[in-house]
PDB file of N, CA and C in Angstrom:
ATOM      1  N   UNK A   1     134.888 140.136  53.326  1.00  0.00           N
ATOM      2  CA  UNK A   1     134.007 139.668  54.350  1.00  0.00           C
ATOM      3  C   UNK A   1     134.014 140.664  55.510  1.00  0.00           C
ATOM      4  N   UNK A   2     132.808 140.963  55.990  1.00  0.00           N
ATOM      5  CA  UNK A   2     132.706 141.979  57.070  1.00  0.00           C
ATOM      6  C   UNK A   2     133.187 141.445  58.421  1.00  0.00           C
ATOM      7  N   UNK A   3     133.543 142.375  59.283  1.00  0.00           N
ATOM      8  CA  UNK A   3     133.942 141.985  60.622  1.00  0.00           C
ATOM      9  C   UNK A   3     132.760 141.469  61.350  1.00  0.00           C
ATOM     10  N   UNK A   4     132.992 140.510  62.291  1.00  0.00           N
ATOM     11  CA  UNK A   4     131.942 139.950  63.122  1.00  0.00           C
ATOM     12  C   UNK A   4     131.964 140.565  64.488  1.00  0.00           C
ATOM     13  N   UNK A   5     130.756 140.669  65.006  1.00  0.00           N
ATOM     14  CA  UNK A   5     130.672 141.327  66.379  1.00  0.00           C
ATOM     15  C   UNK A   5     130.716 140.238  67.454  1.00  0.00           C
ATOM     16  N   UNK A   6     131.392 140.580  68.544  1.00  0.00           N
ATOM     17  CA  UNK A   6     131.500 139.679  69.711  1.00  0.00           C
ATOM     18  C   UNK A   6     130.319 140.011  70.595  1.00  0.00           C
ATOM     19  N   UNK A   7     129.716 138.977  71.156  1.00  0.00           N
ATOM     20  CA  UNK A   7     128.730 139.258  72.208  1.00  0.00           C
ATOM     21  C   UNK A   7     129.447 139.597  73.465  1.00  0.00           C
ATOM     22  N   UNK A   8     129.236 140.816  73.943  1.00  0.00           N
ATOM     23  CA  UNK A   8     130.047 141.289  75.075  1.00  0.00           C
ATOM     24  C   UNK A   8     129.679 140.530  76.367  1.00  0.00           C
ATOM     25  N   UNK A   9     128.415 140.156  76.487  1.00  0.00           N
ATOM     26  CA  UNK A   9     128.053 139.355  77.708  1.00  0.00           C
ATOM     27  C   UNK A   9     128.829 138.036  77.765  1.00  0.00           C
ATOM     28  N   UNK A  10     128.986 137.387  76.647  1.00  0.00           N
ATOM     29  CA  UNK A  10     129.748 136.142  76.557  1.00  0.00           C
ATOM     30  C   UNK A  10     131.210 136.380  76.811  1.00  0.00           C
ATOM     31  N   UNK A  11     131.739 137.449  76.296  1.00  0.00           N
ATOM     32  CA  UNK A  11     133.140 137.760  76.430  1.00  0.00           C
ATOM     33  C   UNK A  11     133.552 137.958  77.856  1.00  0.00           C
ATOM     34  N   UNK A  12     132.592 138.381  78.716  1.00  0.00           N
ATOM     35  CA  UNK A  12     132.901 138.630  80.101  1.00  0.00           C
ATOM     36  C   UNK A  12     132.784 137.269  80.891  1.00  0.00           C
ATOM     37  N   UNK A  13     132.212 136.277  80.326  1.00  0.00           N
ATOM     38  CA  UNK A  13     131.955 134.967  81.041  1.00  0.00           C
ATOM     39  C   UNK A  13     132.850 133.868  80.586  1.00  0.00           C
ATOM     40  N   UNK A  14     133.422 133.879  79.419  1.00  0.00           N
ATOM     41  CA  UNK A  14     134.210 132.769  78.950  1.00  0.00           C
ATOM     42  C   UNK A  14     135.612 133.197  78.501  1.00  0.00           C
ATOM     43  N   UNK A  15     136.486 132.270  78.619  1.00  0.00           N
ATOM     44  CA  UNK A  15     137.898 132.519  78.041  1.00  0.00           C
ATOM     45  C   UNK A  15     138.491 131.150  77.609  1.00  0.00           C
ATOM     46  N   UNK A  16     139.384 131.287  76.721  1.00  0.00           N
ATOM     47  CA  UNK A  16     139.979 130.035  76.130  1.00  0.00           C
ATOM     48  C   UNK A  16     141.146 129.551  77.063  1.00  0.00           C
ATOM     49  N   UNK A  17     141.356 128.264  76.911  1.00  0.00           N
ATOM     50  CA  UNK A  17     142.468 127.677  77.647  1.00  0.00           C
ATOM     51  C   UNK A  17     143.756 128.103  76.925  1.00  0.00           C
ATOM     52  N   UNK A  18     144.895 127.649  77.424  1.00  0.00           N
ATOM     53  CA  UNK A  18     146.221 128.116  76.872  1.00  0.00           C
ATOM     54  C   UNK A  18     146.345 127.599  75.407  1.00  0.00           C
ATOM     55  N   UNK A  19     145.877 126.435  75.139  1.00  0.00           N
ATOM     56  CA  UNK A  19     146.018 125.904  73.729  1.00  0.00           C
ATOM     57  C   UNK A  19     144.956 126.539  72.831  1.00  0.00           C
ATOM     58  N   UNK A  20     143.897 127.042  73.459  1.00  0.00           N
ATOM     59  CA  UNK A  20     142.786 127.608  72.625  1.00  0.00           C
ATOM     60  C   UNK A  20     141.770 126.643  72.140  1.00  0.00           C
ATOM     61  N   UNK A  21     142.003 125.287  72.545  1.00  0.00           N
ATOM     62  CA  UNK A  21     141.028 124.292  72.013  1.00  0.00           C
ATOM     63  C   UNK A  21     139.830 124.146  72.907  1.00  0.00           C
ATOM     64  N   UNK A  22     139.859 124.462  74.186  1.00  0.00           N
ATOM     65  CA  UNK A  22     138.745 124.398  75.045  1.00  0.00           C
ATOM     66  C   UNK A  22     138.340 125.733  75.562  1.00  0.00           C
ATOM     67  N   UNK A  23     137.204 125.827  76.148  1.00  0.00           N
ATOM     68  CA  UNK A  23     136.680 127.107  76.691  1.00  0.00           C
ATOM     69  C   UNK A  23     136.433 126.974  78.267  1.00  0.00           C
ATOM     70  N   UNK A  24     136.810 127.922  78.978  1.00  0.00           N
ATOM     71  CA  UNK A  24     136.698 127.891  80.400  1.00  0.00           C
ATOM     72  C   UNK A  24     135.456 128.750  80.837  1.00  0.00           C
ATOM     73  N   UNK A  25     134.827 128.394  81.961  1.00  0.00           N
ATOM     74  CA  UNK A  25     133.738 129.112  82.535  1.00  0.00           C
ATOM     75  C   UNK A  25     133.854 129.049  84.021  1.00  0.00           C
ATOM     76  N   UNK A  26     133.128 130.004  84.756  1.00  0.00           N
ATOM     77  CA  UNK A  26     133.000 129.970  86.136  1.00  0.00           C
ATOM     78  C   UNK A  26     131.848 129.029  86.549  1.00  0.00           C
ATOM     79  N   UNK A  27     131.922 128.545  87.705  1.00  0.00           N
ATOM     80  CA  UNK A  27     130.794 127.698  88.226  1.00  0.00           C
ATOM     81  C   UNK A  27     129.711 128.589  88.790  1.00  0.00           C
ATOM     82  N   UNK A  28     128.509 128.046  88.712  1.00  0.00           N
ATOM     83  CA  UNK A  28     127.299 128.819  89.224  1.00  0.00           C
ATOM     84  C   UNK A  28     127.177 128.608  90.724  1.00  0.00           C
ATOM     85  N   UNK A  29     126.237 129.371  91.307  1.00  0.00           N
ATOM     86  CA  UNK A  29     125.809 129.259  92.671  1.00  0.00           C
ATOM     87  C   UNK A  29     126.850 129.776  93.696  1.00  0.00           C
ATOM     88  N   UNK A  30     127.587 130.836  93.309  1.00  0.00           N
ATOM     89  CA  UNK A  30     128.511 131.354  94.284  1.00  0.00           C
ATOM     90  C   UNK A  30     128.357 132.876  94.466  1.00  0.00           C
ATOM     91  N   UNK A  31     127.194 133.462  94.061  1.00  0.00           N
ATOM     92  CA  UNK A  31     126.986 134.852  94.164  1.00  0.00           C
ATOM     93  C   UNK A  31     126.202 135.307  95.351  1.00  0.00           C
ATOM     94  N   UNK A  32     125.151 134.602  95.746  1.00  0.00           N
ATOM     95  CA  UNK A  32     124.374 134.991  96.841  1.00  0.00           C
ATOM     96  C   UNK A  32     123.751 133.744  97.428  1.00  0.00           C
ATOM     97  N   UNK A  33     123.024 133.909  98.583  1.00  0.00           N
ATOM     98  CA  UNK A  33     122.495 132.778  99.303  1.00  0.00           C
ATOM     99  C   UNK A  33     123.641 131.815  99.801  1.00  0.00           C
ATOM    100  N   UNK A  34     124.673 132.331 100.302  1.00  0.00           N
ATOM    101  CA  UNK A  34     125.879 131.559 100.636  1.00  0.00           C
ATOM    102  C   UNK A  34     125.846 131.049 102.067  1.00  0.00           C
ATOM    103  N   UNK A  35     124.873 131.470 102.862  1.00  0.00           N
ATOM    104  CA  UNK A  35     124.960 131.155 104.298  1.00  0.00           C
ATOM    105  C   UNK A  35     124.797 129.647 104.602  1.00  0.00           C
ATOM    106  N   UNK A  36     123.995 129.018 103.834  1.00  0.00           N
ATOM    107  CA  UNK A  36     123.721 127.546 104.073  1.00  0.00           C
ATOM    108  C   UNK A  36     124.755 126.646 103.396  1.00  0.00           C
ATOM    109  N   UNK A  37     125.595 127.226 102.550  1.00  0.00           N
ATOM    110  CA  UNK A  37     126.566 126.365 101.818  1.00  0.00           C
ATOM    111  C   UNK A  37     127.817 126.244 102.739  1.00  0.00           C
ATOM    112  N   UNK A  38     128.418 125.122 102.695  1.00  0.00           N
ATOM    113  CA  UNK A  38     129.617 124.883 103.564  1.00  0.00           C
ATOM    114  C   UNK A  38     130.842 125.632 102.940  1.00  0.00           C
ATOM    115  N   UNK A  39     131.755 125.840 103.831  1.00  0.00           N
ATOM    116  CA  UNK A  39     133.087 126.503 103.374  1.00  0.00           C
ATOM    117  C   UNK A  39     133.701 125.745 102.304  1.00  0.00           C
ATOM    118  N   UNK A  40     133.714 124.404 102.500  1.00  0.00           N
ATOM    119  CA  UNK A  40     134.393 123.516 101.533  1.00  0.00           C
ATOM    120  C   UNK A  40     133.725 123.663 100.165  1.00  0.00           C
ATOM    121  N   UNK A  41     132.437 123.679 100.165  1.00  0.00           N
ATOM    122  CA  UNK A  41     131.679 123.763  98.933  1.00  0.00           C
ATOM    123  C   UNK A  41     132.026 125.128  98.238  1.00  0.00           C
ATOM    124  N   UNK A  42     132.000 126.176  99.034  1.00  0.00           N
ATOM    125  CA  UNK A  42     132.346 127.478  98.376  1.00  0.00           C
ATOM    126  C   UNK A  42     133.717 127.607  97.896  1.00  0.00           C
ATOM    127  N   UNK A  43     134.659 127.077  98.783  1.00  0.00           N
ATOM    128  CA  UNK A  43     136.129 127.265  98.468  1.00  0.00           C
ATOM    129  C   UNK A  43     136.620 126.300  97.464  1.00  0.00           C
ATOM    130  N   UNK A  44     136.330 124.995  97.597  1.00  0.00           N
ATOM    131  CA  UNK A  44     136.888 123.998  96.825  1.00  0.00           C
ATOM    132  C   UNK A  44     136.153 123.705  95.481  1.00  0.00           C
ATOM    133  N   UNK A  45     134.813 123.527  95.622  1.00  0.00           N
ATOM    134  CA  UNK A  45     134.026 123.065  94.465  1.00  0.00           C
ATOM    135  C   UNK A  45     133.602 124.278  93.621  1.00  0.00           C
ATOM    136  N   UNK A  46     133.142 125.333  94.199  1.00  0.00           N
ATOM    137  CA  UNK A  46     132.570 126.397  93.380  1.00  0.00           C
ATOM    138  C   UNK A  46     133.596 127.441  92.853  1.00  0.00           C
ATOM    139  N   UNK A  47     134.766 127.460  93.478  1.00  0.00           N
ATOM    140  CA  UNK A  47     135.703 128.513  93.131  1.00  0.00           C
ATOM    141  C   UNK A  47     136.537 128.134  91.914  1.00  0.00           C
ATOM    142  N   UNK A  48     136.532 126.882  91.561  1.00  0.00           N
ATOM    143  CA  UNK A  48     137.422 126.402  90.388  1.00  0.00           C
ATOM    144  C   UNK A  48     136.720 126.709  89.056  1.00  0.00           C
ATOM    145  N   UNK A  49     137.573 126.889  88.069  1.00  0.00           N
ATOM    146  CA  UNK A  49     137.020 127.070  86.686  1.00  0.00           C
ATOM    147  C   UNK A  49     136.581 125.696  86.193  1.00  0.00           C
ATOM    148  N   UNK A  50     135.708 125.646  85.248  1.00  0.00           N
ATOM    149  CA  UNK A  50     135.269 124.380  84.663  1.00  0.00           C
ATOM    150  C   UNK A  50     135.300 124.583  83.137  1.00  0.00           C
ATOM    151  N   UNK A  51     135.367 123.468  82.497  1.00  0.00           N
ATOM    152  CA  UNK A  51     135.330 123.519  80.973  1.00  0.00           C
ATOM    153  C   UNK A  51     133.853 123.539  80.542  1.00  0.00           C
ATOM    154  N   UNK A  52     133.661 124.270  79.438  1.00  0.00           N
ATOM    155  CA  UNK A  52     132.346 124.391  78.830  1.00  0.00           C
ATOM    156  C   UNK A  52     132.137 122.975  78.182  1.00  0.00           C
ATOM    157  N   UNK A  53     130.935 122.382  78.390  1.00  0.00           N
ATOM    158  CA  UNK A  53     130.641 121.058  77.879  1.00  0.00           C
ATOM    159  C   UNK A  53     130.790 121.126  76.347  1.00  0.00           C
ATOM    160  N   UNK A  54     131.198 120.000  75.779  1.00  0.00           N
ATOM    161  CA  UNK A  54     131.442 119.974  74.333  1.00  0.00           C
ATOM    162  C   UNK A  54     130.175 120.208  73.487  1.00  0.00           C
ATOM    163  N   UNK A  55     129.052 119.874  74.067  1.00  0.00           N
ATOM    164  CA  UNK A  55     127.692 120.082  73.455  1.00  0.00           C
ATOM    165  C   UNK A  55     127.372 121.550  73.326  1.00  0.00           C
ATOM    166  N   UNK A  56     127.885 122.386  74.253  1.00  0.00           N
ATOM    167  CA  UNK A  56     127.634 123.805  74.280  1.00  0.00           C
ATOM    168  C   UNK A  56     128.684 124.644  73.620  1.00  0.00           C
ATOM    169  N   UNK A  57     129.788 123.964  73.280  1.00  0.00           N
ATOM    170  CA  UNK A  57     130.961 124.709  72.835  1.00  0.00           C
ATOM    171  C   UNK A  57     130.761 125.442  71.487  1.00  0.00           C
ATOM    172  N   UNK A  58     129.960 124.804  70.654  1.00  0.00           N
ATOM    173  CA  UNK A  58     129.676 125.391  69.318  1.00  0.00           C
ATOM    174  C   UNK A  58     128.916 126.743  69.468  1.00  0.00           C
ATOM    175  N   UNK A  59     127.874 126.788  70.365  1.00  0.00           N
ATOM    176  CA  UNK A  59     127.151 128.028  70.568  1.00  0.00           C
ATOM    177  C   UNK A  59     128.064 129.126  71.161  1.00  0.00           C
ATOM    178  N   UNK A  60     129.002 128.817  72.064  1.00  0.00           N
ATOM    179  CA  UNK A  60     129.883 129.737  72.748  1.00  0.00           C
ATOM    180  C   UNK A  60     130.812 130.334  71.652  1.00  0.00           C
ATOM    181  N   UNK A  61     131.338 129.428  70.790  1.00  0.00           N
ATOM    182  CA  UNK A  61     132.276 129.890  69.753  1.00  0.00           C
ATOM    183  C   UNK A  61     131.589 130.838  68.812  1.00  0.00           C
ATOM    184  N   UNK A  62     130.322 130.608  68.497  1.00  0.00           N
ATOM    185  CA  UNK A  62     129.533 131.536  67.623  1.00  0.00           C
ATOM    186  C   UNK A  62     129.470 132.936  68.240  1.00  0.00           C
ATOM    187  N   UNK A  63     129.244 132.997  69.568  1.00  0.00           N
ATOM    188  CA  UNK A  63     129.145 134.229  70.217  1.00  0.00           C
ATOM    189  C   UNK A  63     130.476 134.901  70.361  1.00  0.00           C
ATOM    190  N   UNK A  64     131.626 134.171  70.298  1.00  0.00           N
ATOM    191  CA  UNK A  64     132.920 134.774  70.454  1.00  0.00           C
ATOM    192  C   UNK A  64     133.758 134.363  69.158  1.00  0.00           C
ATOM    193  N   UNK A  65     133.605 135.106  68.068  1.00  0.00           N
ATOM    194  CA  UNK A  65     134.252 134.712  66.806  1.00  0.00           C
ATOM    195  C   UNK A  65     135.772 134.816  66.907  1.00  0.00           C
ATOM    196  N   UNK A  66     136.277 135.671  67.728  1.00  0.00           N
ATOM    197  CA  UNK A  66     137.740 135.934  67.795  1.00  0.00           C
ATOM    198  C   UNK A  66     138.384 135.382  69.043  1.00  0.00           C
ATOM    199  N   UNK A  67     137.772 134.354  69.636  1.00  0.00           N
ATOM    200  CA  UNK A  67     138.329 133.707  70.861  1.00  0.00           C
ATOM    201  C   UNK A  67     139.494 132.904  70.467  1.00  0.00           C
TER     202      UNK A  67
END
């Protein structure tokens, strides 16, 4: 069976949890237009990692065959 290619854009955006059963992602809306957002929003809510939703997990795993 041939080797599978990893989608490099996805490899930069996702990583597995310690057990490898779930996939982590960064939260959106923290790159620009930050002036009107509160410090709490930027620090507490947007800085944390989040789990990829189970409905999207299959697509992410297809992009990252060796995750």
